[in-house]
Amino acid sequence: MQVEPTDVPGLLRITPRVFRDERGFFLESYNAEAFAEAGVDARFVQDNHAKSAPAGVLRGFHFQAPPNDQAKLVWVVRGAVFDTVVDLREGSPTFGQWRGFVLSEENFLRLFIPRGFAHGYLTLRPDTEFMYKVDATYAPKSEGGLRWNDPDLAVDWPLSELPDDGPILSEKDEGLPLWREFETPFGFAG
């Protein structure tokens, strides 16, 4: 397993070792000991699996506020996504900034997203399946989000790769607040 820090404190790119032969491939998608040695400090308690039938489904930006905030380990098992995070940790050197990564069934890339981030993704292919582990269970009273097309965040979504009608959003995601309306509940520990 190769673990690469990004320029965002705590955000890690993880590439598993993939063993391929004429039958297909094998990899360890998660190993608690190996992840701990790599600096991933999370005890995962729930796995989630989402399928998006058409390309162009946009989910996010979502987070859970303390005391139910979540760290996530995310990856794609089928298809591809443009995966995006926004640092919500006041005092962080990257507070209010976003980063994007292409996760696909071909590159096997995983992201470890620490607590204090909003997360979203855009499916780039039909029938994309997205998986993630979280270290706190779903708590509806703590959920929050930010608008995907917020002009202050200015995320450079790869919309040119989508059908002409743009991203497919849930009604809930269309109505999320803007960055300028947001008061962060997250601090940065350094």
C-alpha atoms as a PDB file:
ATOM      1  CA  MET A   1       0.000   0.000   0.000  1.00  0.00           C
ATOM      2  CA  GLN A   2       1.298   3.415  -0.976  1.00  0.00           C
ATOM      3  CA  VAL A   3       0.180   6.357   1.158  1.00  0.00           C
ATOM      4  CA  GLU A   4       0.785   9.862  -0.135  1.00  0.00           C
ATOM      5  CA  PRO A   5       0.053  12.980   1.894  1.00  0.00           C
ATOM      6  CA  THR A   6      -1.558  15.802  -0.047  1.00  0.00           C
ATOM      7  CA  ASP A   7      -1.031  19.525   0.492  1.00  0.00           C
ATOM      8  CA  VAL A   8      -4.097  19.467   2.779  1.00  0.00           C
ATOM      9  CA  PRO A   9      -3.245  18.412   6.349  1.00  0.00           C
ATOM     10  CA  GLY A  10      -4.653  14.953   7.076  1.00  0.00           C
ATOM     11  CA  LEU A  11      -6.004  14.280   3.566  1.00  0.00           C
ATOM     12  CA  LEU A  12      -4.292  11.151   2.193  1.00  0.00           C
ATOM     13  CA  ARG A  13      -4.152   9.446  -1.218  1.00  0.00           C
ATOM     14  CA  ILE A  14      -3.915   5.680  -0.795  1.00  0.00           C
ATOM     15  CA  THR A  15      -3.053   3.269  -3.587  1.00  0.00           C
ATOM     16  CA  PRO A  16      -3.363  -0.415  -2.646  1.00  0.00           C
ATOM     17  CA  ARG A  17      -1.105  -3.125  -4.020  1.00  0.00           C
ATOM     18  CA  VAL A  18      -3.011  -4.854  -6.800  1.00  0.00           C
ATOM     19  CA  PHE A  19      -2.103  -8.411  -7.804  1.00  0.00           C
ATOM     20  CA  ARG A  20      -3.249  -9.193 -11.351  1.00  0.00           C
ATOM     21  CA  ASP A  21      -3.225 -12.313 -13.454  1.00  0.00           C
ATOM     22  CA  GLU A  22      -5.285 -13.894 -16.243  1.00  0.00           C
ATOM     23  CA  ARG A  23      -8.177 -14.446 -13.783  1.00  0.00           C
ATOM     24  CA  GLY A  24      -8.472 -10.792 -12.758  1.00  0.00           C
ATOM     25  CA  PHE A  25      -7.064  -9.099  -9.666  1.00  0.00           C
ATOM     26  CA  PHE A  26      -6.820  -9.222  -5.889  1.00  0.00           C
ATOM     27  CA  LEU A  27      -6.221  -6.415  -3.403  1.00  0.00           C
ATOM     28  CA  GLU A  28      -6.706  -5.647   0.257  1.00  0.00           C
ATOM     29  CA  SER A  29      -9.279  -2.874   0.322  1.00  0.00           C
ATOM     30  CA  TYR A  30      -8.750  -2.337   4.033  1.00  0.00           C
ATOM     31  CA  ASN A  31      -6.311  -3.618   6.656  1.00  0.00           C
ATOM     32  CA  ALA A  32      -6.546  -1.900  10.057  1.00  0.00           C
ATOM     33  CA  GLU A  33      -2.914  -2.540  10.965  1.00  0.00           C
ATOM     34  CA  ALA A  34      -1.537  -1.283   7.641  1.00  0.00           C
ATOM     35  CA  PHE A  35      -3.741   1.811   7.731  1.00  0.00           C
ATOM     36  CA  ALA A  36      -2.670   2.596  11.319  1.00  0.00           C
ATOM     37  CA  GLU A  37       1.000   2.268  10.308  1.00  0.00           C
ATOM     38  CA  ALA A  38       0.272   4.711   7.468  1.00  0.00           C
ATOM     39  CA  GLY A  39      -1.131   7.280   9.888  1.00  0.00           C
ATOM     40  CA  VAL A  40      -4.841   6.671   9.396  1.00  0.00           C
ATOM     41  CA  ASP A  41      -6.283   7.190  12.861  1.00  0.00           C
ATOM     42  CA  ALA A  42      -9.872   5.994  12.482  1.00  0.00           C
ATOM     43  CA  ARG A  43     -11.924   3.096  13.777  1.00  0.00           C
ATOM     44  CA  PHE A  44     -14.401   2.480  11.009  1.00  0.00           C
ATOM     45  CA  VAL A  45     -17.896   1.449  12.137  1.00  0.00           C
ATOM     46  CA  GLN A  46     -20.048   1.591   8.998  1.00  0.00           C
ATOM     47  CA  ASP A  47     -19.619   0.798   5.297  1.00  0.00           C
ATOM     48  CA  ASN A  48     -21.744   2.496   2.635  1.00  0.00           C
ATOM     49  CA  HIS A  49     -22.250   1.568  -1.019  1.00  0.00           C
ATOM     50  CA  ALA A  50     -23.928   3.860  -3.556  1.00  0.00           C
ATOM     51  CA  LYS A  51     -24.770   3.184  -7.192  1.00  0.00           C
ATOM     52  CA  SER A  52     -25.547   5.941  -9.668  1.00  0.00           C
ATOM     53  CA  ALA A  53     -27.144   4.683 -12.887  1.00  0.00           C
ATOM     54  CA  PRO A  54     -26.494   7.664 -15.202  1.00  0.00           C
ATOM     55  CA  ALA A  55     -23.263   9.582 -15.617  1.00  0.00           C
ATOM     56  CA  GLY A  56     -23.526  13.091 -14.218  1.00  0.00           C
ATOM     57  CA  VAL A  57     -24.981  12.313 -10.793  1.00  0.00           C
ATOM     58  CA  LEU A  58     -23.618  14.811  -8.299  1.00  0.00           C
ATOM     59  CA  ARG A  59     -23.839  13.996  -4.604  1.00  0.00           C
ATOM     60  CA  GLY A  60     -22.742  16.609  -2.090  1.00  0.00           C
ATOM     61  CA  PHE A  61     -21.255  18.499  -0.508  1.00  0.00           C
ATOM     62  CA  HIS A  62     -22.121  16.634   2.710  1.00  0.00           C
ATOM     63  CA  PHE A  63     -20.734  16.426   6.244  1.00  0.00           C
ATOM     64  CA  GLN A  64     -21.797  15.562   9.790  1.00  0.00           C
ATOM     65  CA  ALA A  65     -21.156  18.149  12.499  1.00  0.00           C
ATOM     66  CA  PRO A  66     -19.630  17.327  15.887  1.00  0.00           C
ATOM     67  CA  PRO A  67     -20.155  15.350  17.998  1.00  0.00           C
ATOM     68  CA  ASN A  68     -21.110  13.016  15.130  1.00  0.00           C
ATOM     69  CA  ASP A  69     -18.458  14.149  12.632  1.00  0.00           C
ATOM     70  CA  GLN A  70     -16.982  11.468  10.398  1.00  0.00           C
ATOM     71  CA  ALA A  71     -13.673  10.531   8.861  1.00  0.00           C
ATOM     72  CA  LYS A  72     -14.108   8.640   5.583  1.00  0.00           C
ATOM     73  CA  LEU A  73     -12.194   6.211   3.436  1.00  0.00           C
ATOM     74  CA  VAL A  74     -13.643   6.440  -0.098  1.00  0.00           C
ATOM     75  CA  TRP A  75     -13.134   4.587  -3.395  1.00  0.00           C
ATOM     76  CA  VAL A  76     -14.852   3.447  -6.596  1.00  0.00           C
ATOM     77  CA  VAL A  77     -15.505  -0.213  -7.405  1.00  0.00           C
ATOM     78  CA  ARG A  78     -17.113   0.379 -10.799  1.00  0.00           C
ATOM     79  CA  GLY A  79     -16.970   3.396 -13.104  1.00  0.00           C
ATOM     80  CA  ALA A  80     -15.343   6.696 -12.185  1.00  0.00           C
ATOM     81  CA  VAL A  81     -16.000   9.848 -10.187  1.00  0.00           C
ATOM     82  CA  PHE A  82     -14.550  13.287  -9.693  1.00  0.00           C
ATOM     83  CA  ASP A  83     -14.262  13.210  -5.908  1.00  0.00           C
ATOM     84  CA  THR A  84     -14.069  16.540  -4.107  1.00  0.00           C
ATOM     85  CA  VAL A  85     -13.480  17.742  -0.568  1.00  0.00           C
ATOM     86  CA  VAL A  86     -13.703  21.166   1.090  1.00  0.00           C
ATOM     87  CA  ASP A  87     -11.679  21.877   4.244  1.00  0.00           C
ATOM     88  CA  LEU A  88     -14.110  23.178   6.891  1.00  0.00           C
ATOM     89  CA  ARG A  89     -11.567  23.313   9.737  1.00  0.00           C
ATOM     90  CA  GLU A  90     -11.183  26.900  10.880  1.00  0.00           C
ATOM     91  CA  GLY A  91      -7.496  27.661  11.415  1.00  0.00           C
ATOM     92  CA  SER A  92      -6.332  25.092   8.835  1.00  0.00           C
ATOM     93  CA  PRO A  93      -3.929  26.463   6.207  1.00  0.00           C
ATOM     94  CA  THR A  94      -6.382  25.186   3.572  1.00  0.00           C
ATOM     95  CA  PHE A  95      -9.612  26.343   5.285  1.00  0.00           C
ATOM     96  CA  GLY A  96     -12.320  27.007   2.690  1.00  0.00           C
ATOM     97  CA  GLN A  97     -10.319  25.416  -0.134  1.00  0.00           C
ATOM     98  CA  TRP A  98     -11.311  22.435  -2.234  1.00  0.00           C
ATOM     99  CA  ARG A  99      -9.341  19.600  -3.800  1.00  0.00           C
ATOM    100  CA  GLY A 100     -10.492  17.154  -6.466  1.00  0.00           C
ATOM    101  CA  PHE A 101      -9.343  13.681  -7.472  1.00  0.00           C
ATOM    102  CA  VAL A 102     -10.433  11.187 -10.118  1.00  0.00           C
ATOM    103  CA  LEU A 103     -11.224   7.843  -8.510  1.00  0.00           C
ATOM    104  CA  SER A 104     -11.899   4.955 -10.857  1.00  0.00           C
ATOM    105  CA  GLU A 105     -12.126   1.198 -11.089  1.00  0.00           C
ATOM    106  CA  GLU A 106      -8.873   1.318 -13.080  1.00  0.00           C
ATOM    107  CA  ASN A 107      -6.717   3.412 -10.741  1.00  0.00           C
ATOM    108  CA  PHE A 108      -7.922   1.807  -7.443  1.00  0.00           C
ATOM    109  CA  LEU A 109      -7.168   5.111  -5.699  1.00  0.00           C
ATOM    110  CA  ARG A 110      -8.624   5.666  -2.232  1.00  0.00           C
ATOM    111  CA  LEU A 111      -8.856   8.874  -0.239  1.00  0.00           C
ATOM    112  CA  PHE A 112      -8.734   9.137   3.508  1.00  0.00           C
ATOM    113  CA  ILE A 113     -10.769  12.222   4.406  1.00  0.00           C
ATOM    114  CA  PRO A 114     -10.324  13.276   8.036  1.00  0.00           C
ATOM    115  CA  ARG A 115     -13.076  14.786  10.162  1.00  0.00           C
ATOM    116  CA  GLY A 116     -13.869  18.389   9.330  1.00  0.00           C
ATOM    117  CA  PHE A 117     -14.392  18.153   5.585  1.00  0.00           C
ATOM    118  CA  ALA A 118     -17.388  18.464   3.295  1.00  0.00           C
ATOM    119  CA  HIS A 119     -17.390  15.728   0.661  1.00  0.00           C
ATOM    120  CA  GLY A 120     -19.016  15.307  -2.722  1.00  0.00           C
ATOM    121  CA  TYR A 121     -18.551  13.529  -6.003  1.00  0.00           C
ATOM    122  CA  LEU A 122     -19.678  13.631  -9.617  1.00  0.00           C
ATOM    123  CA  THR A 123     -20.108  10.372 -11.533  1.00  0.00           C
ATOM    124  CA  LEU A 124     -18.200  10.377 -14.817  1.00  0.00           C
ATOM    125  CA  ARG A 125     -19.594   7.110 -16.209  1.00  0.00           C
ATOM    126  CA  PRO A 126     -22.921   5.272 -16.137  1.00  0.00           C
ATOM    127  CA  ASP A 127     -23.468   2.592 -13.491  1.00  0.00           C
ATOM    128  CA  THR A 128     -20.788   3.940 -11.161  1.00  0.00           C
ATOM    129  CA  GLU A 129     -20.525   2.251  -7.770  1.00  0.00           C
ATOM    130  CA  PHE A 130     -18.957   4.237  -4.927  1.00  0.00           C
ATOM    131  CA  MET A 131     -17.987   2.814  -1.539  1.00  0.00           C
ATOM    132  CA  TYR A 132     -16.878   4.387   1.693  1.00  0.00           C
ATOM    133  CA  LYS A 133     -16.142   3.563   5.286  1.00  0.00           C
ATOM    134  CA  VAL A 134     -16.966   6.016   8.098  1.00  0.00           C
ATOM    135  CA  ASP A 135     -15.825   6.169  11.705  1.00  0.00           C
ATOM    136  CA  ALA A 136     -19.189   7.390  13.066  1.00  0.00           C
ATOM    137  CA  THR A 137     -22.647   6.147  12.173  1.00  0.00           C
ATOM    138  CA  TYR A 138     -25.166   8.218  10.267  1.00  0.00           C
ATOM    139  CA  ALA A 139     -26.764  10.876  12.494  1.00  0.00           C
ATOM    140  CA  PRO A 140     -29.479  12.825  10.620  1.00  0.00           C
ATOM    141  CA  LYS A 141     -29.627  15.596  13.242  1.00  0.00           C
ATOM    142  CA  SER A 142     -25.931  16.357  12.609  1.00  0.00           C
ATOM    143  CA  GLU A 143     -25.920  16.355   8.822  1.00  0.00           C
ATOM    144  CA  GLY A 144     -25.096  19.476   6.893  1.00  0.00           C
ATOM    145  CA  GLY A 145     -23.830  20.533   3.508  1.00  0.00           C
ATOM    146  CA  LEU A 146     -22.745  23.199   1.097  1.00  0.00           C
ATOM    147  CA  ARG A 147     -23.947  23.995  -2.393  1.00  0.00           C
ATOM    148  CA  TRP A 148     -22.031  22.199  -5.129  1.00  0.00           C
ATOM    149  CA  ASN A 149     -21.815  25.272  -7.385  1.00  0.00           C
ATOM    150  CA  ASP A 150     -21.014  27.866  -4.708  1.00  0.00           C
ATOM    151  CA  PRO A 151     -19.262  30.817  -6.423  1.00  0.00           C
ATOM    152  CA  ASP A 152     -16.993  31.435  -3.429  1.00  0.00           C
ATOM    153  CA  LEU A 153     -15.747  27.843  -3.404  1.00  0.00           C
ATOM    154  CA  ALA A 154     -15.459  27.868  -7.231  1.00  0.00           C
ATOM    155  CA  VAL A 155     -15.014  24.105  -7.625  1.00  0.00           C
ATOM    156  CA  ASP A 156     -13.840  23.257 -11.134  1.00  0.00           C
ATOM    157  CA  TRP A 157     -16.200  20.320 -11.744  1.00  0.00           C
ATOM    158  CA  PRO A 158     -15.529  18.530 -15.078  1.00  0.00           C
ATOM    159  CA  LEU A 159     -18.969  19.431 -16.414  1.00  0.00           C
ATOM    160  CA  SER A 160     -17.824  19.352 -20.045  1.00  0.00           C
ATOM    161  CA  GLU A 161     -17.685  15.549 -19.725  1.00  0.00           C
ATOM    162  CA  LEU A 162     -21.416  15.389 -18.923  1.00  0.00           C
ATOM    163  CA  PRO A 163     -24.554  15.384 -21.044  1.00  0.00           C
ATOM    164  CA  ASP A 164     -25.742  18.888 -21.963  1.00  0.00           C
ATOM    165  CA  ASP A 165     -28.379  19.022 -19.236  1.00  0.00           C
ATOM    166  CA  GLY A 166     -25.688  19.268 -16.527  1.00  0.00           C
ATOM    167  CA  PRO A 167     -25.389  17.403 -13.250  1.00  0.00           C
ATOM    168  CA  ILE A 168     -28.232  15.373 -11.761  1.00  0.00           C
ATOM    169  CA  LEU A 169     -28.893  16.491  -8.190  1.00  0.00           C
ATOM    170  CA  SER A 170     -31.261  15.590  -5.413  1.00  0.00           C
ATOM    171  CA  GLU A 171     -33.726  18.260  -4.352  1.00  0.00           C
ATOM    172  CA  LYS A 172     -31.983  18.349  -0.987  1.00  0.00           C
ATOM    173  CA  ASP A 173     -28.551  19.004  -2.545  1.00  0.00           C
ATOM    174  CA  GLU A 174     -29.933  21.772  -4.761  1.00  0.00           C
ATOM    175  CA  GLY A 175     -31.042  23.667  -1.649  1.00  0.00           C
ATOM    176  CA  LEU A 176     -27.867  23.427   0.447  1.00  0.00           C
ATOM    177  CA  PRO A 177     -26.484  26.716   1.834  1.00  0.00           C
ATOM    178  CA  LEU A 178     -23.702  28.808   0.360  1.00  0.00           C
ATOM    179  CA  TRP A 179     -20.237  29.201   1.889  1.00  0.00           C
ATOM    180  CA  ARG A 180     -20.930  32.817   2.933  1.00  0.00           C
ATOM    181  CA  GLU A 181     -23.967  31.587   4.934  1.00  0.00           C
ATOM    182  CA  PHE A 182     -21.957  28.851   6.658  1.00  0.00           C
ATOM    183  CA  GLU A 183     -20.537  28.963  10.190  1.00  0.00           C
ATOM    184  CA  THR A 184     -18.122  26.107  10.653  1.00  0.00           C
ATOM    185  CA  PRO A 185     -18.421  23.876  13.707  1.00  0.00           C
ATOM    186  CA  PHE A 186     -14.931  22.448  13.008  1.00  0.00           C
ATOM    187  CA  GLY A 187     -11.579  23.601  14.340  1.00  0.00           C
ATOM    188  CA  PHE A 188      -8.067  22.663  13.254  1.00  0.00           C
ATOM    189  CA  ALA A 189      -5.875  20.868  15.753  1.00  0.00           C
ATOM    190  CA  GLY A 190      -2.656  21.375  13.790  1.00  0.00           C
END
